[in-house]
C-alpha cells in the first residue's frame, strides 16, 4: 500500500471520529500539530461573508500514523520512517495546534507554546469546532504562518502545554514533529 493511499484513508478516518485519550504513548498524546499549504479559493465563506474559503486542512500525519499505519502496515528494512509519523508536510505554509480532551476553556492552560527550530511562539488557544462547524470538545491554536521553505529542510517543531494544577503540580505535555528528509519522501 502506498503511503499516499494510507494518508488518504487516514484523512477519512479523522473526519469521522476525533482521537481521545490521556498521553502515555505517542499515539495517546493529546497534542496534534496540523501542517498544510493554505491557498485562498476566492469563494465567499457562507458562514462569514467578509472572508473567502481557503483550501481544506489536511489530516495530521500523526493521526494517520496512529489510526492507519501502526495498525495496518508492518514496514520492513529501509521503511523505519513510516513508523514515526509525527511529520510536518513539505511545502506547508501554515501550522495549527490542537489540544484534545481538556475541554474548551483556554484558562486551564498555564503554558502553551510552539517551538519552530529555535523560535518559541506563545500560542493563542481558542475553543475548537469540527469540520461541520459544530462545537467541539478541544482547543485549537490560532493559525501560525510559516515560510514553506523551512518545511522542506531539517526542522523540528515542538508543541508544549501545561494544564494548571491549582494547588497541585501542573500536568505538562510535549510532542515533537519533524520534517521528512527529501530522500525519504515517497514517489
N, C-alpha and C. Protein backbone atom coordinates (compact mmCIF):
# COMPACT_ATOMS: atom_id res chain seq x y z
N UNK A 1 0.85 -1.17 0.00
CA UNK A 1 0.00 0.00 0.00
C UNK A 1 0.89 1.23 0.00
N UNK A 2 0.64 2.14 -0.90
CA UNK A 2 1.45 3.35 -0.98
C UNK A 2 1.11 4.28 0.17
N UNK A 3 2.12 5.04 0.60
CA UNK A 3 1.93 5.99 1.68
C UNK A 3 0.84 7.00 1.35
N UNK A 4 0.75 7.39 0.08
CA UNK A 4 -0.27 8.35 -0.35
C UNK A 4 -1.67 7.79 -0.08
N UNK A 5 -1.88 6.49 -0.36
CA UNK A 5 -3.17 5.84 -0.11
C UNK A 5 -3.46 5.79 1.38
N UNK A 6 -2.42 5.50 2.16
CA UNK A 6 -2.57 5.45 3.62
C UNK A 6 -2.97 6.82 4.15
N UNK A 7 -2.34 7.88 3.65
CA UNK A 7 -2.68 9.23 4.10
C UNK A 7 -4.12 9.60 3.76
N UNK A 8 -4.58 9.20 2.59
CA UNK A 8 -5.97 9.48 2.21
C UNK A 8 -6.95 8.74 3.10
N UNK A 9 -6.65 7.48 3.39
CA UNK A 9 -7.52 6.69 4.28
C UNK A 9 -7.54 7.30 5.68
N UNK A 10 -6.38 7.74 6.14
CA UNK A 10 -6.31 8.37 7.46
C UNK A 10 -7.09 9.67 7.52
N UNK A 11 -7.07 10.43 6.43
CA UNK A 11 -7.84 11.67 6.37
C UNK A 11 -9.32 11.38 6.55
N UNK A 12 -9.80 10.34 5.89
CA UNK A 12 -11.21 9.96 6.02
C UNK A 12 -11.53 9.54 7.45
N UNK A 13 -10.63 8.78 8.07
CA UNK A 13 -10.86 8.36 9.45
C UNK A 13 -10.90 9.53 10.41
N UNK A 14 -10.03 10.52 10.21
CA UNK A 14 -10.01 11.68 11.09
C UNK A 14 -11.28 12.51 10.97
N UNK A 15 -11.89 12.51 9.82
CA UNK A 15 -13.12 13.26 9.64
C UNK A 15 -14.28 12.59 10.38
N UNK A 16 -14.18 11.29 10.59
CA UNK A 16 -15.27 10.54 11.22
C UNK A 16 -15.23 10.65 12.73
N UNK A 17 -14.06 10.44 13.33
CA UNK A 17 -14.00 10.40 14.79
C UNK A 17 -12.73 11.03 15.32
N UNK A 18 -12.85 11.99 16.26
CA UNK A 18 -11.66 12.54 16.87
C UNK A 18 -11.02 11.53 17.81
N UNK A 19 -9.71 11.62 17.95
CA UNK A 19 -8.98 10.74 18.83
C UNK A 19 -9.05 11.31 20.23
N UNK A 20 -9.28 10.45 21.24
CA UNK A 20 -9.32 10.92 22.61
C UNK A 20 -8.55 9.96 23.51
N UNK A 21 -7.75 10.50 24.44
CA UNK A 21 -7.05 9.68 25.41
C UNK A 21 -6.11 10.53 26.23
N UNK A 22 -5.51 9.94 27.24
CA UNK A 22 -4.51 10.61 28.07
C UNK A 22 -3.14 10.15 27.60
N UNK A 23 -2.17 11.03 27.56
CA UNK A 23 -0.87 10.73 26.95
C UNK A 23 -0.09 9.69 27.74
N UNK A 24 0.15 8.54 27.17
CA UNK A 24 1.03 7.52 27.71
C UNK A 24 2.01 7.09 26.65
N UNK A 25 1.59 7.05 25.39
CA UNK A 25 2.47 6.77 24.27
C UNK A 25 2.19 7.83 23.22
N UNK A 26 3.01 7.86 22.16
CA UNK A 26 2.84 8.90 21.15
C UNK A 26 1.44 8.87 20.55
N UNK A 27 0.85 7.69 20.38
CA UNK A 27 -0.48 7.61 19.79
C UNK A 27 -1.58 8.01 20.78
N UNK A 28 -1.23 8.17 22.03
CA UNK A 28 -2.22 8.59 23.02
C UNK A 28 -2.00 10.04 23.45
N UNK A 29 -1.13 10.75 22.77
CA UNK A 29 -0.85 12.14 23.10
C UNK A 29 -2.07 13.01 22.81
N UNK A 30 -2.36 13.99 23.69
CA UNK A 30 -3.49 14.88 23.44
C UNK A 30 -3.14 16.05 22.52
N UNK A 31 -1.95 16.03 21.92
CA UNK A 31 -1.49 17.13 21.07
C UNK A 31 -1.38 16.66 19.62
N UNK A 32 -1.93 17.48 18.72
CA UNK A 32 -1.72 17.28 17.28
C UNK A 32 -1.23 18.59 16.68
N UNK A 33 -0.29 18.49 15.78
CA UNK A 33 0.17 19.65 15.01
C UNK A 33 -0.26 19.41 13.57
N UNK A 34 -1.07 20.32 13.05
CA UNK A 34 -1.53 20.24 11.67
C UNK A 34 -0.63 21.12 10.81
N UNK A 35 -0.18 20.59 9.70
CA UNK A 35 0.60 21.39 8.76
C UNK A 35 -0.07 21.28 7.41
N UNK A 36 -0.15 22.41 6.72
CA UNK A 36 -0.79 22.38 5.40
C UNK A 36 -0.33 23.56 4.57
N UNK A 37 -0.57 23.44 3.29
CA UNK A 37 -0.34 24.56 2.39
C UNK A 37 -1.70 25.20 2.16
N UNK A 38 -1.86 26.39 2.68
CA UNK A 38 -3.15 27.08 2.59
C UNK A 38 -3.14 28.02 1.41
N UNK A 39 -4.17 27.91 0.58
CA UNK A 39 -4.32 28.81 -0.57
C UNK A 39 -5.76 29.28 -0.62
N UNK A 40 -5.95 30.55 -0.88
CA UNK A 40 -7.30 31.10 -0.99
C UNK A 40 -7.99 30.56 -2.25
N UNK A 41 -9.28 30.27 -2.12
CA UNK A 41 -10.05 29.75 -3.26
C UNK A 41 -10.78 30.85 -4.01
N UNK A 42 -10.98 32.01 -3.34
CA UNK A 42 -11.74 33.09 -3.97
C UNK A 42 -13.24 32.92 -3.82
N UNK A 43 -13.68 31.84 -3.16
CA UNK A 43 -15.10 31.57 -2.96
C UNK A 43 -15.51 32.17 -1.62
N UNK A 44 -16.63 32.89 -1.59
CA UNK A 44 -17.11 33.53 -0.38
C UNK A 44 -17.49 32.48 0.66
N UNK A 45 -17.12 32.74 1.92
CA UNK A 45 -17.44 31.84 3.03
C UNK A 45 -18.89 32.09 3.44
N UNK A 46 -19.77 31.07 3.34
CA UNK A 46 -21.18 31.29 3.68
C UNK A 46 -21.41 31.60 5.15
N UNK A 47 -20.50 31.17 6.04
CA UNK A 47 -20.65 31.45 7.46
C UNK A 47 -20.13 32.82 7.84
N UNK A 48 -19.22 33.38 7.02
CA UNK A 48 -18.65 34.69 7.30
C UNK A 48 -18.42 35.40 5.96
N UNK A 49 -19.39 36.19 5.49
CA UNK A 49 -19.31 36.82 4.17
C UNK A 49 -18.11 37.74 3.97
N UNK A 50 -17.47 38.17 5.08
CA UNK A 50 -16.30 39.05 4.96
C UNK A 50 -15.04 38.27 4.58
N UNK A 51 -15.09 36.94 4.64
CA UNK A 51 -13.93 36.10 4.34
C UNK A 51 -14.19 35.22 3.12
N UNK A 52 -13.10 34.72 2.56
CA UNK A 52 -13.23 33.73 1.49
C UNK A 52 -12.77 32.39 2.04
N UNK A 53 -13.23 31.32 1.40
CA UNK A 53 -12.83 29.99 1.81
C UNK A 53 -11.41 29.72 1.32
N UNK A 54 -10.69 28.94 2.11
CA UNK A 54 -9.34 28.53 1.73
C UNK A 54 -9.35 27.02 1.54
N UNK A 55 -8.22 26.49 1.10
CA UNK A 55 -8.13 25.05 0.93
C UNK A 55 -8.41 24.36 2.26
N UNK A 56 -8.97 23.17 2.19
CA UNK A 56 -9.32 22.42 3.40
C UNK A 56 -8.07 22.01 4.15
N UNK A 57 -8.16 21.94 5.49
CA UNK A 57 -7.00 21.50 6.25
C UNK A 57 -6.68 20.03 5.94
N UNK A 58 -5.42 19.69 6.05
CA UNK A 58 -5.04 18.29 5.84
C UNK A 58 -5.15 17.54 7.15
N UNK A 59 -5.21 16.23 7.05
CA UNK A 59 -5.19 15.41 8.27
C UNK A 59 -3.80 15.51 8.87
N UNK A 60 -3.74 15.49 10.18
CA UNK A 60 -2.43 15.50 10.81
C UNK A 60 -1.75 14.16 10.58
N UNK A 61 -0.48 14.19 10.25
CA UNK A 61 0.24 12.97 9.91
C UNK A 61 0.25 11.98 11.06
N UNK A 62 0.30 12.45 12.29
CA UNK A 62 0.34 11.53 13.42
C UNK A 62 -0.98 10.81 13.60
N UNK A 63 -2.10 11.46 13.29
CA UNK A 63 -3.39 10.78 13.37
C UNK A 63 -3.46 9.67 12.34
N UNK A 64 -2.96 9.95 11.15
CA UNK A 64 -2.90 8.93 10.11
C UNK A 64 -2.01 7.79 10.58
N UNK A 65 -0.88 8.12 11.16
CA UNK A 65 0.04 7.09 11.63
C UNK A 65 -0.55 6.24 12.72
N UNK A 66 -1.29 6.86 13.64
CA UNK A 66 -1.85 6.11 14.76
C UNK A 66 -3.11 5.35 14.37
N UNK A 67 -3.87 5.82 13.38
CA UNK A 67 -5.11 5.13 13.02
C UNK A 67 -4.95 4.19 11.84
N UNK A 68 -3.93 4.39 11.03
CA UNK A 68 -3.78 3.58 9.82
C UNK A 68 -2.44 2.85 9.81
N UNK A 69 -1.36 3.60 9.81
CA UNK A 69 -0.04 3.00 9.61
C UNK A 69 0.30 1.98 10.69
N UNK A 70 0.22 2.37 11.96
CA UNK A 70 0.61 1.47 13.04
C UNK A 70 -0.28 0.23 13.12
N UNK A 71 -1.53 0.36 12.74
CA UNK A 71 -2.46 -0.76 12.84
C UNK A 71 -2.45 -1.67 11.61
N UNK A 72 -2.00 -1.18 10.47
CA UNK A 72 -2.15 -1.97 9.25
C UNK A 72 -0.85 -2.24 8.50
N UNK A 73 0.20 -1.48 8.74
CA UNK A 73 1.42 -1.62 7.97
C UNK A 73 2.54 -2.17 8.85
N UNK A 74 3.23 -3.15 8.36
CA UNK A 74 4.40 -3.68 9.05
C UNK A 74 5.62 -3.38 8.19
N UNK A 75 6.19 -2.17 8.33
CA UNK A 75 7.29 -1.79 7.46
C UNK A 75 8.52 -2.65 7.67
N UNK A 76 9.26 -2.87 6.58
CA UNK A 76 10.49 -3.64 6.64
C UNK A 76 11.69 -2.72 6.65
N UNK A 77 12.85 -3.30 6.45
CA UNK A 77 14.10 -2.53 6.45
C UNK A 77 14.04 -1.42 5.41
N UNK A 78 14.50 -0.24 5.81
CA UNK A 78 14.50 0.91 4.92
C UNK A 78 13.23 1.74 5.00
N UNK A 79 12.22 1.26 5.71
CA UNK A 79 10.96 1.99 5.83
C UNK A 79 10.67 2.37 7.28
N UNK A 80 11.72 2.46 8.10
CA UNK A 80 11.54 2.77 9.51
C UNK A 80 10.84 4.12 9.71
N UNK A 81 11.05 5.05 8.77
CA UNK A 81 10.44 6.37 8.91
C UNK A 81 8.91 6.32 8.90
N UNK A 82 8.33 5.26 8.34
CA UNK A 82 6.87 5.13 8.30
C UNK A 82 6.31 4.93 9.70
N UNK A 83 7.11 4.34 10.60
CA UNK A 83 6.63 4.07 11.95
C UNK A 83 6.52 5.33 12.79
N UNK A 84 7.31 6.35 12.51
CA UNK A 84 7.23 7.59 13.26
C UNK A 84 6.61 8.64 12.34
N UNK A 85 5.33 8.87 12.53
CA UNK A 85 4.59 9.69 11.57
C UNK A 85 4.29 11.10 12.06
N UNK A 86 4.98 11.58 13.07
CA UNK A 86 4.78 12.96 13.52
C UNK A 86 5.56 13.88 12.58
N UNK A 87 4.95 14.15 11.42
CA UNK A 87 5.64 14.84 10.34
C UNK A 87 5.03 16.20 10.03
N UNK A 88 5.88 17.11 9.58
CA UNK A 88 5.46 18.39 9.00
C UNK A 88 5.46 18.17 7.50
N UNK A 89 4.34 18.43 6.85
CA UNK A 89 4.25 18.21 5.41
C UNK A 89 5.14 19.19 4.66
N UNK A 90 5.95 18.71 3.69
CA UNK A 90 6.82 19.59 2.91
C UNK A 90 6.00 20.64 2.16
N UNK A 91 6.48 21.88 2.16
CA UNK A 91 5.79 22.96 1.47
C UNK A 91 4.67 23.60 2.26
N UNK A 92 4.49 23.20 3.51
CA UNK A 92 3.43 23.80 4.34
C UNK A 92 3.73 25.26 4.60
N UNK A 93 2.67 26.08 4.61
CA UNK A 93 2.85 27.50 4.93
C UNK A 93 2.01 27.90 6.14
N UNK A 94 1.44 26.90 6.80
CA UNK A 94 0.56 27.19 7.94
C UNK A 94 0.60 26.02 8.92
N UNK A 95 0.72 26.33 10.20
CA UNK A 95 0.68 25.33 11.26
C UNK A 95 -0.44 25.68 12.22
N UNK A 96 -1.10 24.66 12.73
CA UNK A 96 -2.10 24.84 13.77
C UNK A 96 -1.92 23.71 14.77
N UNK A 97 -2.19 23.99 16.04
CA UNK A 97 -2.00 23.01 17.10
C UNK A 97 -3.35 22.76 17.77
N UNK A 98 -3.62 21.49 18.05
CA UNK A 98 -4.87 21.10 18.71
C UNK A 98 -4.52 20.39 20.01
N UNK A 99 -5.21 20.77 21.09
CA UNK A 99 -5.10 20.09 22.38
C UNK A 99 -6.43 19.42 22.65
N UNK A 100 -6.42 18.09 22.67
CA UNK A 100 -7.63 17.30 22.85
C UNK A 100 -7.90 17.00 24.32
N UNK A 101 -9.13 16.65 24.62
CA UNK A 101 -9.54 16.06 25.90
C UNK A 101 -9.42 16.92 27.14
N UNK A 102 -9.22 18.19 26.99
CA UNK A 102 -9.10 19.01 28.18
C UNK A 102 -10.09 20.16 28.16
N UNK A 103 -11.12 20.01 27.36
CA UNK A 103 -12.19 20.99 27.32
C UNK A 103 -11.91 22.16 26.39
N UNK A 104 -12.82 23.12 26.43
CA UNK A 104 -12.78 24.27 25.53
C UNK A 104 -12.35 25.56 26.21
N UNK A 105 -11.92 25.48 27.46
CA UNK A 105 -11.59 26.69 28.20
C UNK A 105 -10.08 26.92 28.21
N UNK A 106 -9.60 27.95 27.50
CA UNK A 106 -8.16 28.21 27.45
C UNK A 106 -7.55 28.59 28.81
N UNK A 107 -8.38 28.98 29.77
CA UNK A 107 -7.84 29.38 31.07
C UNK A 107 -7.27 28.19 31.85
N UNK A 108 -7.50 26.96 31.40
CA UNK A 108 -6.92 25.79 32.07
C UNK A 108 -5.42 25.67 31.80
N UNK A 109 -4.91 26.46 30.84
CA UNK A 109 -3.52 26.35 30.44
C UNK A 109 -2.62 27.31 31.20
N UNK A 110 -1.55 26.79 31.77
CA UNK A 110 -0.54 27.66 32.37
C UNK A 110 0.61 27.89 31.39
N UNK A 111 0.68 27.07 30.34
CA UNK A 111 1.69 27.26 29.28
C UNK A 111 1.15 26.68 27.99
N UNK A 112 1.41 27.38 26.89
CA UNK A 112 1.03 26.91 25.55
C UNK A 112 2.01 27.54 24.56
N UNK A 113 3.00 26.75 24.11
CA UNK A 113 4.00 27.28 23.19
C UNK A 113 4.23 26.31 22.04
N UNK A 114 4.75 26.87 20.96
CA UNK A 114 5.18 26.08 19.82
C UNK A 114 6.60 26.55 19.49
N UNK A 115 7.54 25.61 19.52
CA UNK A 115 8.92 25.93 19.19
C UNK A 115 9.18 25.46 17.77
N UNK A 116 9.51 26.41 16.90
CA UNK A 116 9.81 26.12 15.50
C UNK A 116 11.30 26.39 15.32
N UNK A 117 12.09 25.32 15.22
CA UNK A 117 13.53 25.49 15.19
C UNK A 117 13.98 26.07 16.51
N UNK A 118 14.53 27.30 16.49
CA UNK A 118 14.97 27.98 17.71
C UNK A 118 13.97 29.03 18.19
N UNK A 119 12.91 29.27 17.45
CA UNK A 119 11.93 30.30 17.80
C UNK A 119 10.79 29.73 18.63
N UNK A 120 10.51 30.36 19.78
CA UNK A 120 9.42 29.95 20.65
C UNK A 120 8.26 30.92 20.47
N UNK A 121 7.09 30.38 20.12
CA UNK A 121 5.90 31.19 19.88
C UNK A 121 4.86 30.87 20.94
N UNK A 122 4.35 31.92 21.59
CA UNK A 122 3.25 31.73 22.54
C UNK A 122 1.98 31.46 21.73
N UNK A 123 1.30 30.37 22.03
CA UNK A 123 0.09 30.02 21.29
C UNK A 123 -1.12 30.69 21.90
N UNK A 124 -1.96 31.21 21.04
CA UNK A 124 -3.26 31.73 21.47
C UNK A 124 -4.27 30.64 21.16
N UNK A 125 -4.79 30.02 22.22
CA UNK A 125 -5.71 28.89 22.07
C UNK A 125 -7.15 29.38 22.13
N UNK A 126 -7.99 28.80 21.26
CA UNK A 126 -9.40 29.16 21.19
C UNK A 126 -10.23 27.88 21.15
N UNK A 127 -11.50 27.94 21.58
CA UNK A 127 -12.35 26.75 21.50
C UNK A 127 -12.44 26.23 20.07
N UNK A 128 -12.42 24.91 19.93
CA UNK A 128 -12.42 24.29 18.61
C UNK A 128 -13.79 23.99 18.05
N UNK A 129 -13.83 23.79 16.74
CA UNK A 129 -15.03 23.40 16.01
C UNK A 129 -14.65 22.25 15.08
N UNK A 130 -15.57 21.30 14.89
CA UNK A 130 -15.26 20.19 13.99
C UNK A 130 -15.47 20.62 12.54
N UNK A 131 -15.30 19.67 11.61
CA UNK A 131 -15.35 20.01 10.18
C UNK A 131 -16.73 20.47 9.72
N UNK A 132 -17.77 20.19 10.49
CA UNK A 132 -19.11 20.63 10.12
C UNK A 132 -19.44 22.00 10.70
N UNK A 133 -18.53 22.54 11.55
CA UNK A 133 -18.79 23.81 12.20
C UNK A 133 -19.43 23.67 13.57
N UNK A 134 -19.65 22.42 14.00
CA UNK A 134 -20.25 22.18 15.32
C UNK A 134 -19.20 22.37 16.41
N UNK A 135 -19.66 22.76 17.59
CA UNK A 135 -18.80 22.96 18.74
C UNK A 135 -18.10 21.64 19.07
N UNK A 136 -16.79 21.70 19.31
CA UNK A 136 -16.01 20.51 19.64
C UNK A 136 -15.49 20.61 21.08
N UNK A 137 -14.96 19.52 21.59
CA UNK A 137 -14.51 19.47 22.98
C UNK A 137 -13.00 19.67 23.12
N UNK A 138 -12.39 20.44 22.23
CA UNK A 138 -10.95 20.65 22.29
C UNK A 138 -10.62 22.12 22.06
N UNK A 139 -9.33 22.42 22.20
CA UNK A 139 -8.81 23.75 21.94
C UNK A 139 -7.94 23.72 20.69
N UNK A 140 -8.03 24.76 19.88
CA UNK A 140 -7.18 24.92 18.70
C UNK A 140 -6.39 26.21 18.84
N UNK A 141 -5.19 26.20 18.29
CA UNK A 141 -4.42 27.44 18.26
C UNK A 141 -4.90 28.29 17.10
N UNK A 142 -4.67 29.58 17.21
CA UNK A 142 -4.85 30.41 16.03
C UNK A 142 -3.76 30.01 15.05
N UNK A 143 -4.02 30.08 13.75
CA UNK A 143 -3.04 29.65 12.75
C UNK A 143 -1.72 30.42 12.83
N UNK A 144 -0.64 29.71 12.52
CA UNK A 144 0.69 30.29 12.52
C UNK A 144 1.25 30.17 11.11
N UNK A 145 1.52 31.30 10.48
CA UNK A 145 2.09 31.29 9.14
C UNK A 145 3.58 31.00 9.20
N UNK A 146 4.06 30.14 8.32
CA UNK A 146 5.48 29.82 8.24
C UNK A 146 5.95 29.89 6.79
N UNK A 147 7.23 30.11 6.62
CA UNK A 147 7.83 30.12 5.30
C UNK A 147 7.87 28.68 4.79
N UNK A 148 7.25 28.37 3.65
CA UNK A 148 7.23 26.98 3.16
C UNK A 148 8.63 26.40 2.95
N UNK A 149 9.62 27.25 2.74
CA UNK A 149 10.99 26.76 2.52
C UNK A 149 11.52 26.03 3.75
N UNK A 150 11.13 26.47 4.96
CA UNK A 150 11.67 25.81 6.16
C UNK A 150 11.07 24.43 6.38
N UNK A 151 9.94 24.15 5.74
CA UNK A 151 9.31 22.84 5.93
C UNK A 151 9.87 21.77 5.00
N UNK A 152 10.83 22.14 4.16
CA UNK A 152 11.43 21.15 3.27
C UNK A 152 12.80 20.69 3.76
N UNK A 153 13.37 21.41 4.72
CA UNK A 153 14.69 21.04 5.23
C UNK A 153 14.58 20.44 6.61
N UNK A 154 15.70 20.11 7.22
CA UNK A 154 15.62 19.55 8.56
C UNK A 154 15.06 20.58 9.54
N UNK A 155 13.99 20.22 10.22
CA UNK A 155 13.32 21.13 11.14
C UNK A 155 12.53 20.32 12.15
N UNK A 156 12.57 20.75 13.41
CA UNK A 156 11.72 20.17 14.44
C UNK A 156 10.78 21.24 14.96
N UNK A 157 9.55 20.83 15.23
CA UNK A 157 8.51 21.71 15.76
C UNK A 157 7.95 21.02 17.00
N UNK A 158 8.04 21.68 18.16
CA UNK A 158 7.59 21.07 19.41
C UNK A 158 6.47 21.88 20.03
N UNK A 159 5.35 21.23 20.28
CA UNK A 159 4.24 21.85 20.99
C UNK A 159 4.37 21.49 22.47
N UNK A 160 4.17 22.49 23.32
CA UNK A 160 4.29 22.30 24.78
C UNK A 160 3.07 22.92 25.45
N UNK A 161 2.40 22.11 26.26
CA UNK A 161 1.23 22.58 27.02
C UNK A 161 1.37 22.16 28.46
N UNK A 162 0.97 23.04 29.38
CA UNK A 162 0.84 22.68 30.79
C UNK A 162 -0.57 23.05 31.23
N UNK A 163 -1.23 22.12 31.90
CA UNK A 163 -2.55 22.35 32.45
C UNK A 163 -2.37 22.81 33.89
N UNK A 164 -3.03 23.91 34.24
CA UNK A 164 -2.92 24.48 35.57
C UNK A 164 -3.46 23.49 36.59
N UNK A 165 -2.59 23.07 37.51
CA UNK A 165 -2.99 22.11 38.54
C UNK A 165 -3.50 22.76 39.81
N UNK A 166 -3.59 24.11 39.81
CA UNK A 166 -4.05 24.80 41.02
C UNK A 166 -3.06 24.57 42.15
N UNK A 167 -3.52 23.97 43.23
CA UNK A 167 -2.65 23.67 44.37
C UNK A 167 -1.72 22.49 44.08
N UNK A 168 -2.10 21.67 43.12
CA UNK A 168 -1.29 20.50 42.74
C UNK A 168 -0.30 20.90 41.65
N UNK A 169 0.60 19.99 41.31
CA UNK A 169 1.57 20.23 40.25
C UNK A 169 0.87 20.28 38.89
N UNK A 170 1.34 21.17 38.02
CA UNK A 170 0.79 21.25 36.66
C UNK A 170 1.07 19.95 35.91
N UNK A 171 0.17 19.58 35.01
CA UNK A 171 0.36 18.44 34.12
C UNK A 171 0.81 18.99 32.78
N UNK A 172 1.97 18.53 32.30
CA UNK A 172 2.51 19.07 31.05
C UNK A 172 2.62 17.99 29.98
N UNK A 173 2.47 18.42 28.74
CA UNK A 173 2.57 17.54 27.57
C UNK A 173 3.47 18.19 26.54
N UNK A 174 4.26 17.38 25.86
CA UNK A 174 5.10 17.84 24.76
C UNK A 174 4.94 16.86 23.61
N UNK A 175 5.01 17.36 22.40
CA UNK A 175 5.03 16.49 21.23
C UNK A 175 5.84 17.18 20.15
N UNK A 176 6.79 16.43 19.57
CA UNK A 176 7.69 16.98 18.56
C UNK A 176 7.38 16.39 17.19
N UNK A 177 7.20 17.26 16.24
CA UNK A 177 7.01 16.90 14.83
C UNK A 177 8.28 17.30 14.09
N UNK A 178 8.54 16.67 12.96
CA UNK A 178 9.75 16.97 12.21
C UNK A 178 9.46 16.93 10.72
N UNK A 179 10.34 17.54 9.97
CA UNK A 179 10.24 17.45 8.52
C UNK A 179 10.79 16.10 8.09
N UNK A 180 10.36 15.65 6.94
CA UNK A 180 10.80 14.37 6.40
C UNK A 180 11.95 14.64 5.44
N UNK A 181 13.12 14.04 5.67
CA UNK A 181 14.22 14.26 4.73
C UNK A 181 13.81 13.91 3.31
N UNK A 182 14.25 14.71 2.34
CA UNK A 182 13.84 14.57 0.95
C UNK A 182 14.07 13.16 0.41
N UNK A 183 15.15 12.49 0.81
CA UNK A 183 15.41 11.16 0.27
C UNK A 183 14.40 10.14 0.78
N UNK A 184 13.59 10.49 1.79
CA UNK A 184 12.61 9.55 2.31
C UNK A 184 11.19 9.85 1.82
N UNK A 185 11.02 10.89 1.03
CA UNK A 185 9.71 11.20 0.50
C UNK A 185 9.26 10.10 -0.45
N UNK A 186 8.00 9.63 -0.32
CA UNK A 186 7.51 8.61 -1.24
C UNK A 186 7.39 9.16 -2.66
N UNK A 187 7.57 8.29 -3.62
CA UNK A 187 7.49 8.71 -5.04
C UNK A 187 6.06 8.90 -5.46
